[in-house]
Amino acid sequence: MTLVELTVAMAIGVFLTWGAFQVYVQSKSNFRAAEVNTRLNENARFALETIEPDLRLAGFWGRHREAALVAPAGGIAVSCDGDDVTAWALDLAAPVEASDDVYDLGCAPFSAARAGSDVLVVRHASDLLRAPQAGQVQVQSSLAMAQLFADGGVPAGFGADSETRDLVVHAYYVDDTSSFTADLPSLRRQTLVAGALVEDQEIVSGVENLQVQFGLDANGDGTVERYVDPDDAAAVPGAIVAVRLWLLLRSEESPGAGYTDPREYQPLDADAPVIVPGDAPYPAGFQRLEVTKTIGLRNQVTG
């Protein structure tokens, strides 16, 4: 081979190697982006599948759905971080309530509650029957009445046709950090656990914002006439028959070096500003997904 032929062969080889490397880099980038997108969808699906059945049970008290038939709890004290939150936890007259753009629970958040994000509170009896357990706040119910108790003994006056279920109280909110890393936000909830205590639990990481709107039934026909923010004066127990959720999620890691989220996001809120990636606390170098779902409250519909 002559020197010219060798040089041409080397040039062709380098060109082909460079092309193959570029194909590899692009394929790896596409795979990484697809993997990030898959994880985002999985996190969104998990968050909705956690909240949705909770909302569908809101206002369920065992053998009936009438909060007025649940006798007031005597001798039960619910605490959170050493503070008495009994009145809030046992407010069965409000099976669903929310705070608009503010964290105002009696329990401290995990780290710092996300500014401009809503808080959603759900109360109901558990879907499964339970055995009476001392220290666990429970609901004993028959067709005619119900009673809260936490001493492990079935209240007097209930026959064999009654049933025992745990009282479920969940308050969903978004925190600026997660249990895994300090710079990753998370969807969390304050939940009533054994011992009449309210405990902070992480649902899924990567959730940046939660917004709630209530569907109101103004004429009692069982259908929604309009949706309002939680602070609307018309959003009162009895009128709320549906809940519309809006979640903004971000990837746990950047899809790649130099990536910038090009979109803007309008929260499901009449007075919330547009979320622009790059503004604190929404870093621009992450992929995002916004999801919306409307959930009917089967135990609140009267029509």
Protein backbone atom coordinates (compact mmCIF):
# COMPACT_ATOMS: atom_id res chain seq x y z
CA MET A 1 0.00 0.00 0.00
CA THR A 2 1.18 3.46 -0.78
CA LEU A 3 1.21 6.25 1.78
CA VAL A 4 -1.68 7.93 -0.05
CA GLU A 5 -3.80 4.77 0.09
CA LEU A 6 -3.03 4.34 3.78
CA THR A 7 -3.95 7.94 4.53
CA VAL A 8 -7.26 7.63 2.64
CA ALA A 9 -8.07 4.35 4.46
CA MET A 10 -7.33 5.95 7.85
CA ALA A 11 -9.50 8.96 6.99
CA ILE A 12 -12.41 6.72 6.01
CA GLY A 13 -11.93 4.65 9.19
CA VAL A 14 -11.92 7.74 11.39
CA PHE A 15 -15.04 9.06 9.66
CA LEU A 16 -16.89 5.76 10.14
CA THR A 17 -15.78 5.54 13.79
CA TRP A 18 -16.93 9.11 14.43
CA GLY A 19 -20.31 8.33 12.81
CA ALA A 20 -20.75 5.21 14.93
CA PHE A 21 -19.84 7.16 18.06
CA GLN A 22 -22.40 9.85 17.22
CA VAL A 23 -25.08 7.19 16.72
CA TYR A 24 -24.16 5.70 20.11
CA VAL A 25 -24.28 9.08 21.84
CA GLN A 26 -27.65 9.93 20.29
CA SER A 27 -29.07 6.51 21.14
CA LYS A 28 -27.88 6.82 24.72
CA SER A 29 -29.40 10.31 24.97
CA ASN A 30 -32.73 9.07 23.57
CA PHE A 31 -32.73 6.11 25.94
CA ARG A 32 -32.00 8.38 28.91
CA ALA A 33 -34.81 10.77 27.91
CA ALA A 34 -37.23 7.85 27.48
CA GLU A 35 -36.23 6.42 30.85
CA VAL A 36 -36.75 9.80 32.57
CA ASN A 37 -40.15 10.18 30.90
CA THR A 38 -41.17 6.66 31.98
CA ARG A 39 -40.23 7.35 35.59
CA LEU A 40 -42.16 10.63 35.51
CA ASN A 41 -45.28 8.84 34.28
CA GLU A 42 -44.86 6.10 36.88
CA ASN A 43 -44.58 8.68 39.68
CA ALA A 44 -47.62 10.58 38.42
CA ARG A 45 -49.65 7.39 38.15
CA PHE A 46 -48.63 6.30 41.66
CA ALA A 47 -49.54 9.69 43.16
CA LEU A 48 -52.99 9.68 41.54
CA GLU A 49 -53.61 6.04 42.41
CA THR A 50 -52.87 6.89 46.05
CA ILE A 51 -55.11 9.95 46.28
CA GLU A 52 -58.02 8.82 44.08
CA PRO A 53 -59.32 5.87 46.17
CA ASP A 54 -58.85 8.01 49.28
CA LEU A 55 -61.14 10.68 47.83
CA ARG A 56 -63.72 8.17 46.61
CA LEU A 57 -64.07 6.95 50.22
CA ALA A 58 -64.39 10.47 51.68
CA GLY A 59 -67.43 10.65 53.95
CA PHE A 60 -67.75 6.86 54.27
CA TRP A 61 -68.38 5.92 57.92
CA GLY A 62 -68.99 2.19 57.70
CA ARG A 63 -72.62 1.15 57.34
CA HIS A 64 -73.71 4.65 56.34
CA ARG A 65 -72.36 7.96 55.03
CA GLU A 66 -74.03 10.38 57.44
CA ALA A 67 -71.51 12.25 59.60
CA ALA A 68 -74.40 13.48 61.76
CA LEU A 69 -74.99 9.88 62.89
CA VAL A 70 -71.44 9.55 64.26
CA ALA A 71 -71.53 10.31 67.99
CA PRO A 72 -68.90 12.79 69.22
CA ALA A 73 -65.68 11.19 70.39
CA GLY A 74 -65.28 11.25 74.14
CA GLY A 75 -61.89 10.81 75.78
CA ILE A 76 -59.95 10.67 72.50
CA ALA A 77 -57.00 13.03 72.14
CA VAL A 78 -55.06 13.18 68.86
CA SER A 79 -51.60 14.74 68.94
CA CYS A 80 -48.96 15.79 66.43
CA ASP A 81 -45.46 16.85 67.42
CA GLY A 82 -46.77 17.11 70.97
CA ASP A 83 -49.60 19.48 70.04
CA ASP A 84 -53.30 18.66 70.41
CA VAL A 85 -54.92 18.40 66.95
CA THR A 86 -58.04 16.51 68.04
CA ALA A 87 -60.54 19.06 66.74
CA TRP A 88 -58.90 19.06 63.31
CA ALA A 89 -58.42 15.29 63.01
CA LEU A 90 -61.92 14.36 64.16
CA ASP A 91 -63.82 16.99 62.16
CA LEU A 92 -65.98 14.39 60.43
CA ALA A 93 -68.44 17.05 59.23
CA ALA A 94 -65.77 17.99 56.64
CA PRO A 95 -64.85 14.74 54.85
CA VAL A 96 -62.94 16.79 52.26
CA GLU A 97 -61.32 20.17 52.74
CA ALA A 98 -58.32 22.03 51.36
CA SER A 99 -56.13 25.06 51.98
CA ASP A 100 -55.46 27.34 49.03
CA ASP A 101 -51.76 28.00 48.32
CA VAL A 102 -50.77 27.71 51.98
CA TYR A 103 -49.74 25.06 54.52
CA ASP A 104 -51.77 25.70 57.66
CA LEU A 105 -51.89 22.32 59.42
CA GLY A 106 -51.22 21.99 63.13
CA CYS A 107 -48.35 19.58 62.35
CA ALA A 108 -44.97 20.82 61.21
CA PRO A 109 -44.04 19.84 57.61
CA PHE A 110 -41.23 17.40 56.93
CA SER A 111 -38.81 20.20 56.05
CA ALA A 112 -40.51 23.22 54.49
CA ALA A 113 -43.90 23.17 52.78
CA ARG A 114 -43.84 24.28 49.15
CA ALA A 115 -44.96 27.90 48.82
CA GLY A 116 -47.98 28.33 46.53
CA SER A 117 -49.05 24.67 46.80
CA ASP A 118 -52.40 23.50 48.21
CA VAL A 119 -53.13 21.10 51.07
CA LEU A 120 -55.83 18.44 50.62
CA VAL A 121 -57.45 16.80 53.67
CA VAL A 122 -59.55 13.61 53.42
CA ARG A 123 -61.44 11.83 56.23
CA HIS A 124 -63.33 8.51 56.13
CA ALA A 125 -63.53 5.03 57.61
CA SER A 126 -61.18 2.38 56.25
CA ASP A 127 -62.31 0.26 53.33
CA LEU A 128 -61.48 -2.97 55.19
CA LEU A 129 -63.00 -4.25 58.42
CA ARG A 130 -60.70 -4.21 61.45
CA ALA A 131 -60.60 -5.89 64.81
CA PRO A 132 -60.95 -3.52 67.78
CA GLN A 133 -57.47 -2.35 68.78
CA ALA A 134 -56.53 -0.28 71.79
CA GLY A 135 -54.84 2.99 70.81
CA GLN A 136 -56.25 2.99 67.27
CA VAL A 137 -59.00 5.53 66.57
CA GLN A 138 -61.83 3.47 65.09
CA VAL A 139 -65.44 3.74 63.94
CA GLN A 140 -68.12 1.35 65.15
CA SER A 141 -71.17 1.64 62.92
CA SER A 142 -74.62 0.20 62.35
CA LEU A 143 -77.31 1.34 59.96
CA ALA A 144 -78.68 3.73 62.57
CA MET A 145 -75.64 5.16 64.33
CA ALA A 146 -71.86 5.19 64.68
CA GLN A 147 -69.34 5.90 67.42
CA LEU A 148 -65.65 6.78 67.52
CA PHE A 149 -63.57 4.91 70.09
CA ALA A 150 -59.89 4.19 70.78
CA ASP A 151 -59.82 1.95 73.87
CA GLY A 152 -60.13 -1.37 72.05
CA GLY A 153 -63.64 -2.05 73.36
CA VAL A 154 -66.74 -1.95 71.17
CA PRO A 155 -69.01 0.85 72.47
CA ALA A 156 -72.23 -0.14 74.20
CA GLY A 157 -75.41 -0.34 72.18
CA PHE A 158 -73.97 -1.99 69.07
CA GLY A 159 -75.16 -5.45 68.09
CA ALA A 160 -73.89 -8.20 65.85
CA ASP A 161 -74.95 -6.26 62.75
CA SER A 162 -72.41 -3.50 63.45
CA GLU A 163 -68.86 -3.36 62.13
CA THR A 164 -65.49 -1.93 63.12
CA ARG A 165 -63.25 0.12 60.85
CA ASP A 166 -60.22 2.37 61.39
CA LEU A 167 -60.67 6.12 61.11
CA VAL A 168 -58.58 7.41 58.20
CA VAL A 169 -57.35 11.02 58.16
CA HIS A 170 -54.91 12.10 55.43
CA ALA A 171 -53.59 15.59 54.71
CA TYR A 172 -51.66 15.70 51.40
CA TYR A 173 -49.08 18.44 50.78
CA VAL A 174 -45.85 19.14 48.89
CA ASP A 175 -42.56 19.56 50.73
CA ASP A 176 -39.41 21.20 49.34
CA THR A 177 -37.32 18.12 50.17
CA SER A 178 -37.67 14.35 50.24
CA SER A 179 -36.39 11.52 52.39
CA PHE A 180 -33.82 10.69 49.70
CA THR A 181 -32.22 14.03 48.89
CA ALA A 182 -32.52 17.58 50.14
CA ASP A 183 -32.91 19.19 46.70
CA LEU A 184 -35.80 17.00 45.49
CA PRO A 185 -39.39 17.96 46.43
CA SER A 186 -41.93 15.30 47.40
CA LEU A 187 -45.63 14.63 47.84
CA ARG A 188 -46.25 13.80 51.48
CA ARG A 189 -49.16 13.39 53.86
CA GLN A 190 -49.87 13.84 57.53
CA THR A 191 -51.77 10.70 58.50
CA LEU A 192 -53.52 9.39 61.62
CA VAL A 193 -51.78 6.26 62.92
CA ALA A 194 -52.03 3.97 65.94
CA GLY A 195 -51.62 5.70 69.26
CA ALA A 196 -53.86 8.57 68.13
CA LEU A 197 -50.80 10.23 66.59
CA VAL A 198 -50.43 12.12 63.32
CA GLU A 199 -47.36 10.96 61.40
CA ASP A 200 -45.64 12.46 58.35
CA GLN A 201 -45.28 10.00 55.46
CA GLU A 202 -43.68 10.35 52.04
CA ILE A 203 -45.85 9.27 49.10
CA VAL A 204 -43.58 9.89 46.10
CA SER A 205 -40.62 12.12 45.33
CA GLY A 206 -40.43 14.59 42.46
CA VAL A 207 -43.81 16.29 42.95
CA GLU A 208 -43.31 20.06 42.79
CA ASN A 209 -46.83 21.41 43.19
CA LEU A 210 -50.35 20.29 44.12
CA GLN A 211 -53.46 22.28 43.26
CA VAL A 212 -57.04 21.46 44.22
CA GLN A 213 -60.40 22.68 42.99
CA PHE A 214 -63.82 21.63 44.25
CA GLY A 215 -66.77 20.74 42.01
CA LEU A 216 -69.96 22.19 43.49
CA ASP A 217 -73.50 20.89 43.18
CA ALA A 218 -75.60 24.00 43.77
CA ASN A 219 -79.06 22.56 43.05
CA GLY A 220 -78.81 19.09 44.54
CA ASP A 221 -79.10 17.16 41.27
CA GLY A 222 -75.84 15.28 41.80
CA THR A 223 -73.92 17.01 39.01
CA VAL A 224 -71.21 19.67 39.09
CA GLU A 225 -72.24 23.18 38.05
CA ARG A 226 -68.84 24.83 38.54
CA TYR A 227 -65.35 24.37 39.96
CA VAL A 228 -63.89 26.75 42.54
CA ASP A 229 -60.70 27.16 44.53
CA PRO A 230 -60.69 25.86 48.13
CA ASP A 231 -60.96 29.37 49.61
CA ASP A 232 -64.24 30.10 47.77
CA ALA A 233 -67.08 30.82 50.20
CA ALA A 234 -69.34 28.36 48.35
CA ALA A 235 -66.97 25.42 48.94
CA VAL A 236 -68.72 24.03 52.02
CA PRO A 237 -69.38 20.41 53.08
CA GLY A 238 -72.48 19.12 51.37
CA ALA A 239 -71.95 21.18 48.23
CA ILE A 240 -68.67 19.53 47.23
CA VAL A 241 -69.30 16.49 45.02
CA ALA A 242 -66.05 16.31 43.03
CA VAL A 243 -62.38 17.20 43.37
CA ARG A 244 -60.13 18.25 40.51
CA LEU A 245 -56.42 17.65 41.08
CA TRP A 246 -53.44 19.20 39.32
CA LEU A 247 -49.93 17.87 39.91
CA LEU A 248 -46.62 19.12 38.56
CA LEU A 249 -43.80 16.58 38.67
CA ARG A 250 -40.14 16.86 37.75
CA SER A 251 -37.57 14.21 36.97
CA GLU A 252 -35.23 13.07 39.72
CA GLU A 253 -32.25 13.75 37.45
CA SER A 254 -31.57 15.86 34.39
CA PRO A 255 -32.16 14.20 30.99
CA GLY A 256 -28.73 15.37 29.94
CA ALA A 257 -26.08 18.06 30.13
CA GLY A 258 -27.32 21.40 28.89
CA TYR A 259 -31.00 20.40 29.05
CA THR A 260 -33.42 23.26 29.80
CA ASP A 261 -37.14 22.84 30.31
CA PRO A 262 -38.67 25.10 27.62
CA ARG A 263 -42.27 25.06 28.87
CA GLU A 264 -44.28 27.21 31.26
CA TYR A 265 -46.95 25.76 33.55
CA GLN A 266 -50.25 27.33 34.62
CA PRO A 267 -51.47 25.84 37.92
CA LEU A 268 -55.09 24.84 38.29
CA ASP A 269 -55.86 27.93 40.36
CA ALA A 270 -57.74 31.11 39.54
CA ASP A 271 -55.10 33.39 41.02
CA ALA A 272 -51.86 31.37 40.85
CA PRO A 273 -48.99 32.78 38.76
CA VAL A 274 -47.46 30.86 35.89
CA ILE A 275 -44.60 28.57 36.92
CA VAL A 276 -41.51 29.33 34.85
CA PRO A 277 -38.65 26.79 35.02
CA GLY A 278 -35.54 28.60 36.19
CA ASP A 279 -37.40 30.57 38.83
CA ALA A 280 -36.89 29.41 42.42
CA PRO A 281 -37.73 26.74 43.45
CA TYR A 282 -38.22 25.25 39.96
CA PRO A 283 -34.76 24.56 38.44
CA ALA A 284 -34.76 24.55 34.65
CA GLY A 285 -32.51 21.53 34.06
CA PHE A 286 -35.18 18.88 34.69
CA GLN A 287 -37.92 17.31 32.60
CA ARG A 288 -41.49 17.92 33.85
CA LEU A 289 -44.96 16.46 33.58
CA GLU A 290 -48.27 18.05 34.57
CA VAL A 291 -51.31 15.85 35.16
CA THR A 292 -54.93 16.66 35.91
CA LYS A 293 -57.69 14.35 37.13
CA THR A 294 -61.26 14.91 38.29
CA ILE A 295 -62.59 12.52 40.93
CA GLY A 296 -66.23 12.18 41.94
CA LEU A 297 -67.05 11.92 45.65
CA ARG A 298 -69.55 9.06 45.63
CA ASN A 299 -70.48 9.49 49.30
CA GLN A 300 -71.26 13.20 48.91
CA VAL A 301 -73.66 13.02 45.97
CA THR A 302 -77.27 13.47 47.11
CA GLY A 303 -79.10 13.73 43.80
